[in-house]
Amino acid sequence: MKAGIVVDKEKIEIIEADEPDMGKYPEGAIKIKTELSAICGSDIPKFSLEQDDYPGRLGTSIHEAIGTIVQSNSDRFVVGERVLALPREVGGCSEFFVSHDSVTMTLLDFHSQEQMLMSQPLGTVIWAVRKLGSVINKDVVIFGAGPIGHLTAHTVSNLGAKTITVVDVVDFRLDRVEQMRATATVNASKEDVIERVEAITEGRMADVAIEMVGHNTETVNTCIDSVKRLGTVLCFGVPDEDIYPIEYRKIIRKNVSVIGTIGTEAQADFPLAMRWIAEGRIDVSPIITHRIPFTDVQRGFEMFIDERDKAIKVVLEY
């Protein structure tokens, strides 16, 4: 089978590799022939940051994938079922990967499979936003207009937020996020973010600030500055370091609640995300900007991190 693998900093090669041997996997394992996968912001560190050793994981770190079951050690799934699944060991940038029935979900019937693939990132957003409780009539600021920021804007709109302000430094992302129900946008490279949040909220400041940029400390501290007393900061962005300098005194003085989030409750959040998409409760199509052969994954990563060709979500086809 063909599979992608990171062989050096910012370099992926497509190699020939053995298909996963299901005899080595336990009960519940499922072998899947990949049909579509997508590049996620959390995949970027393994591609763009210097690693201790190369080559990296077979199939790279790609984890958003759908496909058809070709072998099953599970009593819940049979050969021929089409599923959304999280890869185990071999990553999703591969013609075949192995998952487990605990993180595998039957795909709902829908006219666009690339949109159904977005159930994976949307599921992580649902998991994150569930931690906030009700956002009805609340002012929400989202830092980061990548795919996750887009999906979060639409989600909190569905759930009743009063204002939804999205902050980024890339104009084409901010233009596109308006299609995902952002009520205001701020380009942090051109405007004072805190002044704009104060103006948008008519002096109230945000009830909730959501950090979805990752890879830096600055946006976390700006989130803390942007919320009101008793506000909430939800940390979603992937860190590059284990320890960050955070303005702890401001958290204490403002009685800010800080919530961390990663992953999802797979059997609850992914099926709900599928239903939202299939039933038309959320339109994910604006974020899908490119669909390319998976053998062009190098170009896909470069488009994503270099902000080329107005790329937001890059889908890989097999």
C-alpha atoms as a PDB file:
ATOM      1  CA  MET A   1       0.000   0.000   0.000  1.00  0.00           C
ATOM      2  CA  LYS A   2       0.996   3.633  -0.393  1.00  0.00           C
ATOM      3  CA  ALA A   3       1.382   5.776   2.715  1.00  0.00           C
ATOM      4  CA  GLY A   4       2.755   9.180   3.623  1.00  0.00           C
ATOM      5  CA  ILE A   5       5.558   9.584   6.136  1.00  0.00           C
ATOM      6  CA  VAL A   6       7.432  12.624   7.442  1.00  0.00           C
ATOM      7  CA  VAL A   7      11.115  12.065   6.630  1.00  0.00           C
ATOM      8  CA  ASP A   8      12.492  15.485   7.611  1.00  0.00           C
ATOM      9  CA  LYS A   9      11.280  18.864   8.773  1.00  0.00           C
ATOM     10  CA  GLU A  10       8.490  19.984   6.390  1.00  0.00           C
ATOM     11  CA  LYS A  11       9.052  17.018   4.086  1.00  0.00           C
ATOM     12  CA  ILE A  12       6.643  14.141   3.483  1.00  0.00           C
ATOM     13  CA  GLU A  13       7.314  11.238   1.145  1.00  0.00           C
ATOM     14  CA  ILE A  14       4.876   8.678  -0.250  1.00  0.00           C
ATOM     15  CA  ILE A  15       6.311   5.203   0.235  1.00  0.00           C
ATOM     16  CA  GLU A  16       5.292   1.595  -0.317  1.00  0.00           C
ATOM     17  CA  ALA A  17       4.519  -0.211   2.952  1.00  0.00           C
ATOM     18  CA  ASP A  18       2.939  -3.464   4.085  1.00  0.00           C
ATOM     19  CA  GLU A  19      -0.777  -3.377   4.758  1.00  0.00           C
ATOM     20  CA  PRO A  20      -1.700  -3.709   8.453  1.00  0.00           C
ATOM     21  CA  ASP A  21      -1.802  -7.367   9.521  1.00  0.00           C
ATOM     22  CA  MET A  22      -5.069  -7.862  11.408  1.00  0.00           C
ATOM     23  CA  GLY A  23      -3.665 -10.965  13.063  1.00  0.00           C
ATOM     24  CA  LYS A  24      -1.583  -8.636  15.244  1.00  0.00           C
ATOM     25  CA  TYR A  25      -4.546  -6.611  16.474  1.00  0.00           C
ATOM     26  CA  PRO A  26      -6.906  -7.394  19.362  1.00  0.00           C
ATOM     27  CA  GLU A  27     -10.642  -7.900  19.512  1.00  0.00           C
ATOM     28  CA  GLY A  28     -12.477  -4.777  18.398  1.00  0.00           C
ATOM     29  CA  ALA A  29      -9.902  -3.812  15.767  1.00  0.00           C
ATOM     30  CA  ILE A  30     -11.096  -2.808  12.301  1.00  0.00           C
ATOM     31  CA  LYS A  31      -9.136  -2.496   9.057  1.00  0.00           C
ATOM     32  CA  ILE A  32     -10.369   0.297   6.804  1.00  0.00           C
ATOM     33  CA  LYS A  33      -9.690   1.164   3.167  1.00  0.00           C
ATOM     34  CA  THR A  34      -9.327   4.944   3.196  1.00  0.00           C
ATOM     35  CA  GLU A  35     -11.566   7.024   0.933  1.00  0.00           C
ATOM     36  CA  LEU A  36     -11.082  10.569   2.232  1.00  0.00           C
ATOM     37  CA  SER A  37      -8.997  12.218   4.917  1.00  0.00           C
ATOM     38  CA  ALA A  38      -8.201  15.819   5.827  1.00  0.00           C
ATOM     39  CA  ILE A  39      -5.375  17.897   7.230  1.00  0.00           C
ATOM     40  CA  CYS A  40      -5.971  19.256  10.751  1.00  0.00           C
ATOM     41  CA  GLY A  41      -4.140  22.048  12.542  1.00  0.00           C
ATOM     42  CA  SER A  42      -3.034  19.537  15.171  1.00  0.00           C
ATOM     43  CA  ASP A  43      -1.138  17.661  12.426  1.00  0.00           C
ATOM     44  CA  ILE A  44       1.097  20.648  11.763  1.00  0.00           C
ATOM     45  CA  PRO A  45       3.678  20.271  14.600  1.00  0.00           C
ATOM     46  CA  LYS A  46       4.750  16.821  13.400  1.00  0.00           C
ATOM     47  CA  PHE A  47       5.293  18.331   9.946  1.00  0.00           C
ATOM     48  CA  SER A  48       6.752  21.763  10.653  1.00  0.00           C
ATOM     49  CA  LEU A  49       8.653  21.393  13.940  1.00  0.00           C
ATOM     50  CA  GLU A  50      12.020  19.674  14.202  1.00  0.00           C
ATOM     51  CA  GLN A  51      11.542  16.148  15.581  1.00  0.00           C
ATOM     52  CA  ASP A  52      13.966  14.072  17.634  1.00  0.00           C
ATOM     53  CA  ASP A  53      14.018  11.269  15.104  1.00  0.00           C
ATOM     54  CA  TYR A  54      12.918  10.632  11.535  1.00  0.00           C
ATOM     55  CA  PRO A  55      11.113   9.056   9.828  1.00  0.00           C
ATOM     56  CA  GLY A  56       7.896   9.737  11.711  1.00  0.00           C
ATOM     57  CA  ARG A  57       4.743   7.692  12.039  1.00  0.00           C
ATOM     58  CA  LEU A  58       3.565   5.805   8.977  1.00  0.00           C
ATOM     59  CA  GLY A  59       0.516   7.615   7.625  1.00  0.00           C
ATOM     60  CA  THR A  60       1.810  10.795   9.303  1.00  0.00           C
ATOM     61  CA  SER A  61      -0.380  12.182  12.063  1.00  0.00           C
ATOM     62  CA  ILE A  62      -3.541  12.530   9.980  1.00  0.00           C
ATOM     63  CA  HIS A  63      -6.531  11.401  12.028  1.00  0.00           C
ATOM     64  CA  GLU A  64      -9.601  12.708  10.167  1.00  0.00           C
ATOM     65  CA  ALA A  65     -10.587   9.826   7.895  1.00  0.00           C
ATOM     66  CA  ILE A  66     -13.503   7.930   6.412  1.00  0.00           C
ATOM     67  CA  GLY A  67     -13.512   4.693   4.461  1.00  0.00           C
ATOM     68  CA  THR A  68     -14.874   1.170   4.016  1.00  0.00           C
ATOM     69  CA  ILE A  69     -14.231  -1.747   6.363  1.00  0.00           C
ATOM     70  CA  VAL A  70     -12.285  -4.553   4.677  1.00  0.00           C
ATOM     71  CA  GLN A  71     -11.567  -6.703   7.768  1.00  0.00           C
ATOM     72  CA  SER A  72     -13.134  -6.707  11.216  1.00  0.00           C
ATOM     73  CA  ASN A  73     -12.272  -8.211  14.598  1.00  0.00           C
ATOM     74  CA  SER A  74     -15.344  -6.499  16.032  1.00  0.00           C
ATOM     75  CA  ASP A  75     -18.819  -7.882  16.615  1.00  0.00           C
ATOM     76  CA  ARG A  76     -20.207  -4.364  16.063  1.00  0.00           C
ATOM     77  CA  PHE A  77     -18.987  -3.783  12.505  1.00  0.00           C
ATOM     78  CA  VAL A  78     -18.889  -5.941   9.390  1.00  0.00           C
ATOM     79  CA  VAL A  79     -16.961  -5.874   6.122  1.00  0.00           C
ATOM     80  CA  GLY A  80     -18.412  -3.396   3.655  1.00  0.00           C
ATOM     81  CA  GLU A  81     -19.653  -0.803   6.152  1.00  0.00           C
ATOM     82  CA  ARG A  82     -18.638   2.767   5.479  1.00  0.00           C
ATOM     83  CA  VAL A  83     -17.384   4.494   8.601  1.00  0.00           C
ATOM     84  CA  LEU A  84     -15.778   7.523  10.190  1.00  0.00           C
ATOM     85  CA  ALA A  85     -12.908   6.278  12.332  1.00  0.00           C
ATOM     86  CA  LEU A  86      -9.853   7.459  14.239  1.00  0.00           C
ATOM     87  CA  PRO A  87      -6.689   5.697  13.027  1.00  0.00           C
ATOM     88  CA  ARG A  88      -4.582   3.665  15.449  1.00  0.00           C
ATOM     89  CA  GLU A  89      -0.824   3.136  14.916  1.00  0.00           C
ATOM     90  CA  VAL A  90      -0.852   3.699  11.134  1.00  0.00           C
ATOM     91  CA  GLY A  91      -2.107   7.236  10.461  1.00  0.00           C
ATOM     92  CA  GLY A  92      -4.863   8.256   8.081  1.00  0.00           C
ATOM     93  CA  CYS A  93      -2.536   9.319   5.237  1.00  0.00           C
ATOM     94  CA  SER A  94      -2.447   5.749   4.027  1.00  0.00           C
ATOM     95  CA  GLU A  95      -4.454   3.541   1.689  1.00  0.00           C
ATOM     96  CA  PHE A  96      -5.347   1.311   4.658  1.00  0.00           C
ATOM     97  CA  PHE A  97      -5.417   1.959   8.405  1.00  0.00           C
ATOM     98  CA  VAL A  98      -6.590   0.190  11.553  1.00  0.00           C
ATOM     99  CA  SER A  99      -9.064   1.633  14.018  1.00  0.00           C
ATOM    100  CA  HIS A 100     -11.009   0.264  17.000  1.00  0.00           C
ATOM    101  CA  ASP A 101     -14.754  -0.067  17.364  1.00  0.00           C
ATOM    102  CA  SER A 102     -14.697   2.345  20.333  1.00  0.00           C
ATOM    103  CA  VAL A 103     -13.703   5.181  17.983  1.00  0.00           C
ATOM    104  CA  THR A 104     -15.514   4.033  14.836  1.00  0.00           C
ATOM    105  CA  MET A 105     -18.948   5.279  13.753  1.00  0.00           C
ATOM    106  CA  THR A 106     -21.180   4.218  10.856  1.00  0.00           C
ATOM    107  CA  LEU A 107     -21.501   7.032   8.311  1.00  0.00           C
ATOM    108  CA  LEU A 108     -24.913   8.568   7.795  1.00  0.00           C
ATOM    109  CA  ASP A 109     -26.205   8.699   4.252  1.00  0.00           C
ATOM    110  CA  PHE A 110     -25.510  12.158   2.835  1.00  0.00           C
ATOM    111  CA  HIS A 111     -24.931  13.554  -0.637  1.00  0.00           C
ATOM    112  CA  SER A 112     -21.442  14.891   0.187  1.00  0.00           C
ATOM    113  CA  GLN A 113     -18.942  12.568   1.787  1.00  0.00           C
ATOM    114  CA  GLU A 114     -16.325  15.314   2.113  1.00  0.00           C
ATOM    115  CA  GLN A 115     -18.840  17.258   4.207  1.00  0.00           C
ATOM    116  CA  MET A 116     -19.557  14.152   6.283  1.00  0.00           C
ATOM    117  CA  LEU A 117     -15.790  13.904   6.899  1.00  0.00           C
ATOM    118  CA  MET A 118     -16.070  17.255   8.695  1.00  0.00           C
ATOM    119  CA  SER A 119     -17.973  15.401  11.439  1.00  0.00           C
ATOM    120  CA  GLN A 120     -14.587  14.599  12.953  1.00  0.00           C
ATOM    121  CA  PRO A 121     -13.441  18.195  13.599  1.00  0.00           C
ATOM    122  CA  LEU A 122     -17.010  19.256  14.326  1.00  0.00           C
ATOM    123  CA  GLY A 123     -17.233  16.509  16.957  1.00  0.00           C
ATOM    124  CA  THR A 124     -14.241  17.974  18.777  1.00  0.00           C
ATOM    125  CA  VAL A 125     -15.931  21.387  18.717  1.00  0.00           C
ATOM    126  CA  ILE A 126     -19.134  19.925  20.147  1.00  0.00           C
ATOM    127  CA  TRP A 127     -17.118  18.270  22.930  1.00  0.00           C
ATOM    128  CA  ALA A 128     -15.389  21.569  23.711  1.00  0.00           C
ATOM    129  CA  VAL A 129     -18.497  23.738  23.656  1.00  0.00           C
ATOM    130  CA  ARG A 130     -20.403  21.278  25.844  1.00  0.00           C
ATOM    131  CA  LYS A 131     -18.017  22.265  28.639  1.00  0.00           C
ATOM    132  CA  LEU A 132     -19.223  25.869  28.485  1.00  0.00           C
ATOM    133  CA  GLY A 133     -22.813  25.190  29.428  1.00  0.00           C
ATOM    134  CA  SER A 134     -25.371  27.569  27.914  1.00  0.00           C
ATOM    135  CA  VAL A 135     -24.062  30.326  25.637  1.00  0.00           C
ATOM    136  CA  ILE A 136     -27.503  31.843  25.051  1.00  0.00           C
ATOM    137  CA  ASN A 137     -27.301  35.649  24.949  1.00  0.00           C
ATOM    138  CA  LYS A 138     -23.559  35.599  25.616  1.00  0.00           C
ATOM    139  CA  ASP A 139     -20.760  37.493  23.894  1.00  0.00           C
ATOM    140  CA  VAL A 140     -18.226  35.031  22.470  1.00  0.00           C
ATOM    141  CA  VAL A 141     -14.789  35.814  21.031  1.00  0.00           C
ATOM    142  CA  ILE A 142     -12.979  33.156  19.002  1.00  0.00           C
ATOM    143  CA  PHE A 143      -9.235  33.522  18.448  1.00  0.00           C
ATOM    144  CA  GLY A 144      -8.267  31.715  15.259  1.00  0.00           C
ATOM    145  CA  ALA A 145     -10.196  31.553  11.973  1.00  0.00           C
ATOM    146  CA  GLY A 146      -8.921  28.175  10.872  1.00  0.00           C
ATOM    147  CA  PRO A 147     -11.324  25.287  10.223  1.00  0.00           C
ATOM    148  CA  ILE A 148     -11.986  24.780  13.946  1.00  0.00           C
ATOM    149  CA  GLY A 149     -12.675  28.476  14.474  1.00  0.00           C
ATOM    150  CA  HIS A 150     -15.134  28.422  11.571  1.00  0.00           C
ATOM    151  CA  LEU A 151     -16.968  25.405  12.964  1.00  0.00           C
ATOM    152  CA  THR A 152     -17.048  26.923  16.436  1.00  0.00           C
ATOM    153  CA  ALA A 153     -18.564  30.174  15.163  1.00  0.00           C
ATOM    154  CA  HIS A 154     -21.417  28.257  13.537  1.00  0.00           C
ATOM    155  CA  THR A 155     -21.863  26.057  16.602  1.00  0.00           C
ATOM    156  CA  VAL A 156     -22.167  28.870  19.149  1.00  0.00           C
ATOM    157  CA  SER A 157     -24.503  30.660  16.749  1.00  0.00           C
ATOM    158  CA  ASN A 158     -26.711  27.563  16.685  1.00  0.00           C
ATOM    159  CA  LEU A 159     -26.638  27.532  20.477  1.00  0.00           C
ATOM    160  CA  GLY A 160     -27.788  31.129  20.854  1.00  0.00           C
ATOM    161  CA  ALA A 161     -24.738  33.365  21.343  1.00  0.00           C
ATOM    162  CA  LYS A 162     -25.474  37.107  21.168  1.00  0.00           C
ATOM    163  CA  THR A 163     -22.284  38.240  19.434  1.00  0.00           C
ATOM    164  CA  ILE A 164     -19.651  36.047  17.777  1.00  0.00           C
ATOM    165  CA  THR A 165     -16.390  37.868  17.155  1.00  0.00           C
ATOM    166  CA  VAL A 166     -13.623  36.003  15.316  1.00  0.00           C
ATOM    167  CA  VAL A 167     -10.015  37.211  15.518  1.00  0.00           C
ATOM    168  CA  ASP A 168      -7.243  36.302  13.074  1.00  0.00           C
ATOM    169  CA  VAL A 169      -4.460  37.943  11.057  1.00  0.00           C
ATOM    170  CA  VAL A 170      -5.439  36.532   7.644  1.00  0.00           C
ATOM    171  CA  ASP A 171      -8.088  38.478   5.743  1.00  0.00           C
ATOM    172  CA  PHE A 172      -9.360  35.645   3.531  1.00  0.00           C
ATOM    173  CA  ARG A 173     -10.080  33.520   6.590  1.00  0.00           C
ATOM    174  CA  LEU A 174     -11.947  36.371   8.228  1.00  0.00           C
ATOM    175  CA  ASP A 175     -13.940  36.935   5.040  1.00  0.00           C
ATOM    176  CA  ARG A 176     -14.916  33.267   4.891  1.00  0.00           C
ATOM    177  CA  VAL A 177     -15.876  32.972   8.568  1.00  0.00           C
ATOM    178  CA  GLU A 178     -18.720  35.406   7.994  1.00  0.00           C
ATOM    179  CA  GLN A 179     -20.371  32.563   6.044  1.00  0.00           C
ATOM    180  CA  MET A 180     -20.151  30.532   9.265  1.00  0.00           C
ATOM    181  CA  ARG A 181     -22.235  33.076  11.176  1.00  0.00           C
ATOM    182  CA  ALA A 182     -19.572  35.243  12.762  1.00  0.00           C
ATOM    183  CA  THR A 183     -21.222  38.570  13.611  1.00  0.00           C
ATOM    184  CA  ALA A 184     -17.932  40.517  13.656  1.00  0.00           C
ATOM    185  CA  THR A 185     -14.298  39.977  12.677  1.00  0.00           C
ATOM    186  CA  VAL A 186     -11.047  41.544  13.857  1.00  0.00           C
ATOM    187  CA  ASN A 187      -7.692  41.449  12.082  1.00  0.00           C
ATOM    188  CA  ALA A 188      -5.237  41.469  14.987  1.00  0.00           C
ATOM    189  CA  SER A 189      -2.406  42.663  12.738  1.00  0.00           C
ATOM    190  CA  LYS A 190      -4.304  45.841  11.883  1.00  0.00           C
ATOM    191  CA  GLU A 191      -6.560  46.556  14.879  1.00  0.00           C
ATOM    192  CA  ASP A 192      -6.365  46.628  18.661  1.00  0.00           C
ATOM    193  CA  VAL A 193      -8.189  43.460  19.635  1.00  0.00           C
ATOM    194  CA  ILE A 194      -9.214  44.527  23.138  1.00  0.00           C
ATOM    195  CA  GLU A 195     -10.535  47.888  21.945  1.00  0.00           C
ATOM    196  CA  ARG A 196     -12.553  46.178  19.217  1.00  0.00           C
ATOM    197  CA  VAL A 197     -13.998  43.598  21.612  1.00  0.00           C
ATOM    198  CA  GLU A 198     -14.996  46.387  23.976  1.00  0.00           C
ATOM    199  CA  ALA A 199     -16.706  48.253  21.130  1.00  0.00           C
ATOM    200  CA  ILE A 200     -18.457  45.184  19.720  1.00  0.00           C
ATOM    201  CA  THR A 201     -19.790  44.196  23.150  1.00  0.00           C
ATOM    202  CA  GLU A 202     -20.756  47.813  23.989  1.00  0.00           C
ATOM    203  CA  GLY A 203     -18.360  47.843  26.911  1.00  0.00           C
ATOM    204  CA  ARG A 204     -19.413  44.509  28.404  1.00  0.00           C
ATOM    205  CA  MET A 205     -16.344  42.555  27.224  1.00  0.00           C
ATOM    206  CA  ALA A 206     -16.682  38.890  26.332  1.00  0.00           C
ATOM    207  CA  ASP A 207     -18.427  36.285  28.433  1.00  0.00           C
ATOM    208  CA  VAL A 208     -16.388  33.597  26.694  1.00  0.00           C
ATOM    209  CA  ALA A 209     -13.057  33.699  24.842  1.00  0.00           C
ATOM    210  CA  ILE A 210     -11.964  30.605  22.951  1.00  0.00           C
ATOM    211  CA  GLU A 211      -8.288  30.108  22.040  1.00  0.00           C
ATOM    212  CA  MET A 212      -8.031  28.144  18.778  1.00  0.00           C
ATOM    213  CA  VAL A 213      -4.714  29.364  17.394  1.00  0.00           C
ATOM    214  CA  GLY A 214      -2.285  27.321  19.494  1.00  0.00           C
ATOM    215  CA  HIS A 215       1.497  27.282  19.080  1.00  0.00           C
ATOM    216  CA  ASN A 216       1.947  30.506  21.099  1.00  0.00           C
ATOM    217  CA  THR A 217       1.333  32.131  24.491  1.00  0.00           C
ATOM    218  CA  GLU A 218       0.215  35.536  23.329  1.00  0.00           C
ATOM    219  CA  THR A 219      -3.304  34.596  22.277  1.00  0.00           C
ATOM    220  CA  VAL A 220      -4.012  32.841  25.595  1.00  0.00           C
ATOM    221  CA  ASN A 221      -3.159  36.015  27.488  1.00  0.00           C
ATOM    222  CA  THR A 222      -5.199  38.111  25.055  1.00  0.00           C
ATOM    223  CA  CYS A 223      -8.152  35.820  25.760  1.00  0.00           C
ATOM    224  CA  ILE A 224      -7.749  36.582  29.466  1.00  0.00           C
ATOM    225  CA  ASP A 225      -7.713  40.320  28.690  1.00  0.00           C
ATOM    226  CA  SER A 226     -10.792  40.081  26.474  1.00  0.00           C
ATOM    227  CA  VAL A 227     -13.190  38.524  28.988  1.00  0.00           C
ATOM    228  CA  LYS A 228     -15.149  40.309  31.694  1.00  0.00           C
ATOM    229  CA  ARG A 229     -14.992  39.559  35.405  1.00  0.00           C
ATOM    230  CA  LEU A 230     -16.246  35.982  35.949  1.00  0.00           C
ATOM    231  CA  GLY A 231     -15.636  35.297  32.251  1.00  0.00           C
ATOM    232  CA  THR A 232     -14.462  31.993  30.800  1.00  0.00           C
ATOM    233  CA  VAL A 233     -11.433  31.150  28.665  1.00  0.00           C
ATOM    234  CA  LEU A 234     -11.617  27.869  26.746  1.00  0.00           C
ATOM    235  CA  CYS A 235      -8.190  26.616  25.590  1.00  0.00           C
ATOM    236  CA  PHE A 236      -8.413  24.500  22.432  1.00  0.00           C
ATOM    237  CA  GLY A 237      -5.283  25.400  20.433  1.00  0.00           C
ATOM    238  CA  VAL A 238      -2.425  22.898  20.365  1.00  0.00           C
ATOM    239  CA  PRO A 239       0.629  24.064  22.392  1.00  0.00           C
ATOM    240  CA  ASP A 240       4.196  23.747  21.183  1.00  0.00           C
ATOM    241  CA  GLU A 241       5.636  23.763  24.705  1.00  0.00           C
ATOM    242  CA  ASP A 242       4.691  21.940  27.902  1.00  0.00           C
ATOM    243  CA  ILE A 243       4.900  25.066  30.068  1.00  0.00           C
ATOM    244  CA  TYR A 244       3.555  28.495  29.082  1.00  0.00           C
ATOM    245  CA  PRO A 245       3.911  31.828  30.920  1.00  0.00           C
ATOM    246  CA  ILE A 246       0.312  32.822  31.675  1.00  0.00           C
ATOM    247  CA  GLU A 247      -0.919  36.010  33.343  1.00  0.00           C
ATOM    248  CA  TYR A 248      -1.992  34.196  36.459  1.00  0.00           C
ATOM    249  CA  ARG A 249      -2.644  37.349  38.511  1.00  0.00           C
ATOM    250  CA  LYS A 250      -5.270  38.502  35.999  1.00  0.00           C
ATOM    251  CA  ILE A 251      -7.004  35.144  36.183  1.00  0.00           C
ATOM    252  CA  ILE A 252      -7.253  35.486  39.955  1.00  0.00           C
ATOM    253  CA  ARG A 253      -8.237  39.150  40.038  1.00  0.00           C
ATOM    254  CA  LYS A 254     -10.927  38.770  37.378  1.00  0.00           C
ATOM    255  CA  ASN A 255     -12.198  35.430  38.735  1.00  0.00           C
ATOM    256  CA  VAL A 256     -11.718  33.915  35.273  1.00  0.00           C
ATOM    257  CA  SER A 257     -12.556  30.258  34.670  1.00  0.00           C
ATOM    258  CA  VAL A 258      -9.995  28.494  32.440  1.00  0.00           C
ATOM    259  CA  ILE A 259     -11.057  25.276  30.714  1.00  0.00           C
ATOM    260  CA  GLY A 260      -8.838  22.940  28.706  1.00  0.00           C
ATOM    261  CA  THR A 261     -10.139  20.712  25.947  1.00  0.00           C
ATOM    262  CA  ILE A 262      -8.823  18.099  23.544  1.00  0.00           C
ATOM    263  CA  GLY A 263     -10.327  15.148  21.758  1.00  0.00           C
ATOM    264  CA  THR A 264     -13.941  14.119  22.100  1.00  0.00           C
ATOM    265  CA  GLU A 265     -16.374  11.592  23.498  1.00  0.00           C
ATOM    266  CA  ALA A 266     -16.373   9.674  20.241  1.00  0.00           C
ATOM    267  CA  GLN A 267     -19.610   7.704  20.443  1.00  0.00           C
ATOM    268  CA  ALA A 268     -21.598  10.784  21.496  1.00  0.00           C
ATOM    269  CA  ASP A 269     -20.042  13.739  19.693  1.00  0.00           C
ATOM    270  CA  PHE A 270     -19.203  12.327  16.258  1.00  0.00           C
ATOM    271  CA  PRO A 271     -22.694  10.872  15.638  1.00  0.00           C
ATOM    272  CA  LEU A 272     -24.259  14.158  16.760  1.00  0.00           C
ATOM    273  CA  ALA A 273     -21.962  16.050  14.392  1.00  0.00           C
ATOM    274  CA  MET A 274     -23.038  13.751  11.557  1.00  0.00           C
ATOM    275  CA  ARG A 275     -26.686  14.446  12.339  1.00  0.00           C
ATOM    276  CA  TRP A 276     -26.142  18.197  12.363  1.00  0.00           C
ATOM    277  CA  ILE A 277     -24.567  17.996   8.906  1.00  0.00           C
ATOM    278  CA  ALA A 278     -27.006  15.471   7.424  1.00  0.00           C
ATOM    279  CA  GLU A 279     -30.052  17.337   8.741  1.00  0.00           C
ATOM    280  CA  GLY A 280     -28.813  20.698   7.510  1.00  0.00           C
ATOM    281  CA  ARG A 281     -28.407  22.186  10.970  1.00  0.00           C
ATOM    282  CA  ILE A 282     -24.871  23.246  10.088  1.00  0.00           C
ATOM    283  CA  ASP A 283     -23.386  23.948   6.656  1.00  0.00           C
ATOM    284  CA  VAL A 284     -19.734  22.928   6.643  1.00  0.00           C
ATOM    285  CA  SER A 285     -19.218  23.452   2.905  1.00  0.00           C
ATOM    286  CA  PRO A 286     -17.652  26.947   3.196  1.00  0.00           C
ATOM    287  CA  ILE A 287     -14.597  25.591   5.005  1.00  0.00           C
ATOM    288  CA  ILE A 288     -13.759  22.911   2.392  1.00  0.00           C
ATOM    289  CA  THR A 289     -11.567  24.832  -0.037  1.00  0.00           C
ATOM    290  CA  HIS A 290      -9.393  22.127  -1.635  1.00  0.00           C
ATOM    291  CA  ARG A 291      -9.636  18.458  -2.569  1.00  0.00           C
ATOM    292  CA  ILE A 292      -6.435  16.854  -3.863  1.00  0.00           C
ATOM    293  CA  PRO A 293      -4.978  13.331  -4.315  1.00  0.00           C
ATOM    294  CA  PHE A 294      -3.468  12.079  -1.082  1.00  0.00           C
ATOM    295  CA  THR A 295      -0.181  11.564  -2.897  1.00  0.00           C
ATOM    296  CA  ASP A 296      -0.021  15.402  -3.044  1.00  0.00           C
ATOM    297  CA  VAL A 297      -0.103  15.627   0.759  1.00  0.00           C
ATOM    298  CA  GLN A 298       3.161  17.613   0.773  1.00  0.00           C
ATOM    299  CA  ARG A 299       1.457  20.339  -1.258  1.00  0.00           C
ATOM    300  CA  GLY A 300      -1.578  20.133   0.992  1.00  0.00           C
ATOM    301  CA  PHE A 301       0.460  20.824   4.120  1.00  0.00           C
ATOM    302  CA  GLU A 302       2.315  23.656   2.406  1.00  0.00           C
ATOM    303  CA  MET A 303      -0.939  25.288   1.301  1.00  0.00           C
ATOM    304  CA  PHE A 304      -2.330  25.018   4.810  1.00  0.00           C
ATOM    305  CA  ILE A 305       0.613  26.406   6.775  1.00  0.00           C
ATOM    306  CA  ASP A 306       1.733  28.970   4.176  1.00  0.00           C
ATOM    307  CA  GLU A 307      -1.829  30.289   3.675  1.00  0.00           C
ATOM    308  CA  ARG A 308      -1.572  29.654  -0.055  1.00  0.00           C
ATOM    309  CA  ASP A 309      -4.480  29.609  -2.483  1.00  0.00           C
ATOM    310  CA  LYS A 310      -6.816  30.709   0.325  1.00  0.00           C
ATOM    311  CA  ALA A 311      -6.701  27.207   1.792  1.00  0.00           C
ATOM    312  CA  ILE A 312      -8.816  26.543   4.879  1.00  0.00           C
ATOM    313  CA  LYS A 313      -9.627  22.828   4.851  1.00  0.00           C
ATOM    314  CA  VAL A 314      -7.652  20.534   2.558  1.00  0.00           C
ATOM    315  CA  VAL A 315      -9.284  17.151   1.846  1.00  0.00           C
ATOM    316  CA  LEU A 316      -7.199  14.238   0.571  1.00  0.00           C
ATOM    317  CA  GLU A 317      -8.789  11.665  -1.730  1.00  0.00           C
ATOM    318  CA  TYR A 318      -7.654   8.058  -2.279  1.00  0.00           C
END
